[in-house]
Protein backbone atom coordinates (compact mmCIF):
# COMPACT_ATOMS: atom_id res chain seq x y z
CA MET A 1 10.67 40.62 43.62
CA SER A 2 10.78 37.19 41.97
CA GLN A 3 11.69 34.07 44.17
CA PRO A 4 15.31 32.71 43.25
CA ILE A 5 14.91 28.85 42.15
CA PRO A 6 15.97 26.67 44.83
CA ASN A 7 19.28 24.54 44.43
CA TYR A 8 17.22 21.13 44.09
CA ASP A 9 15.13 22.45 41.38
CA LEU A 10 18.26 23.86 39.65
CA GLY A 11 20.07 20.65 39.97
CA ILE A 12 16.81 18.67 38.48
CA LEU A 13 17.15 21.17 35.51
CA ILE A 14 20.70 20.88 34.75
CA THR A 15 20.48 17.18 35.05
CA ILE A 16 17.15 17.42 32.42
CA ASP A 17 19.72 19.50 30.28
CA ILE A 18 22.62 17.28 30.21
CA SER A 19 20.40 14.25 29.71
CA VAL A 20 18.83 15.97 26.58
CA ALA A 21 21.99 17.00 25.42
CA LEU A 22 23.66 13.59 25.46
CA ALA A 23 20.36 11.79 24.11
CA THR A 24 20.56 14.30 21.24
CA VAL A 25 24.29 13.30 20.58
CA LEU A 26 23.21 9.44 20.76
CA ILE A 27 20.52 10.09 18.04
CA VAL A 28 22.66 11.84 15.93
CA VAL A 29 25.56 9.40 15.92
CA ILE A 30 23.30 6.56 15.17
CA GLY A 31 21.56 8.38 12.30
CA ILE A 32 24.93 9.20 10.88
CA TRP A 33 25.99 5.38 11.15
CA GLY A 34 22.76 4.34 9.91
CA ILE A 35 23.60 6.55 6.99
CA MET A 36 27.22 5.09 6.38
CA ARG A 37 25.88 1.62 6.68
CA GLN A 38 23.38 2.12 3.95
CA ASN A 39 26.00 3.74 1.90
CA ILE A 40 28.55 1.07 2.06
CA ARG A 41 25.36 -1.25 1.41
CA SER A 42 24.53 0.35 -1.69
CA GLN A 43 27.95 0.57 -3.30
CA GLN A 44 27.84 -3.38 -2.39
CA ILE A 45 24.65 -3.88 -4.00
CA MET A 46 26.30 -1.97 -7.07
CA LEU A 47 29.32 -3.75 -7.59
CA GLU A 48 27.25 -7.01 -7.82
CA VAL A 49 25.10 -5.77 -10.17
CA ALA A 50 28.16 -4.45 -12.42
CA ARG A 51 29.40 -7.97 -11.76
CA ILE A 52 26.61 -9.78 -12.98
CA ALA A 53 26.19 -7.04 -15.97
CA GLN A 54 29.76 -8.09 -17.10
CA ARG A 55 29.08 -11.77 -16.89
CA ILE A 56 25.92 -11.61 -19.11
CA ASP A 57 27.83 -9.08 -21.58
CA ALA A 58 30.45 -11.98 -21.98
CA ARG A 59 28.05 -14.80 -22.33
CA LEU A 60 26.03 -12.68 -24.88
CA ARG A 61 29.24 -12.00 -26.73
CA ARG A 62 30.42 -15.57 -26.43
CA ASP A 63 26.95 -17.34 -27.35
CA PHE A 64 26.30 -14.44 -30.27
CA PRO A 65 29.90 -13.24 -31.74
CA ASP A 66 28.03 -10.88 -34.06
CA ILE A 67 26.53 -8.97 -31.22
CA GLY A 68 29.37 -6.45 -31.05
CA GLN A 69 28.91 -5.44 -34.94
CA ASP A 70 25.10 -4.90 -34.59
CA LEU A 71 25.48 -2.91 -31.38
CA GLY A 72 28.29 -0.75 -33.20
CA ASP A 73 31.11 -1.86 -30.74
């Protein structure tokens, strides 16, 4: 018959189990936060690129009025 685990060892195992679970939750939260932050930053960059493209389009159409006819607009 096997020996039962002493209370001291069982307490250490439970503490390690809880610590690993909390560390896992922390890592998951940090990962989700990083993904959300990257997504927000990516959207901001896309909006800035769209603004720049609109300014370039307006400038080209002002400097070259016939550009719309050449492009079929």
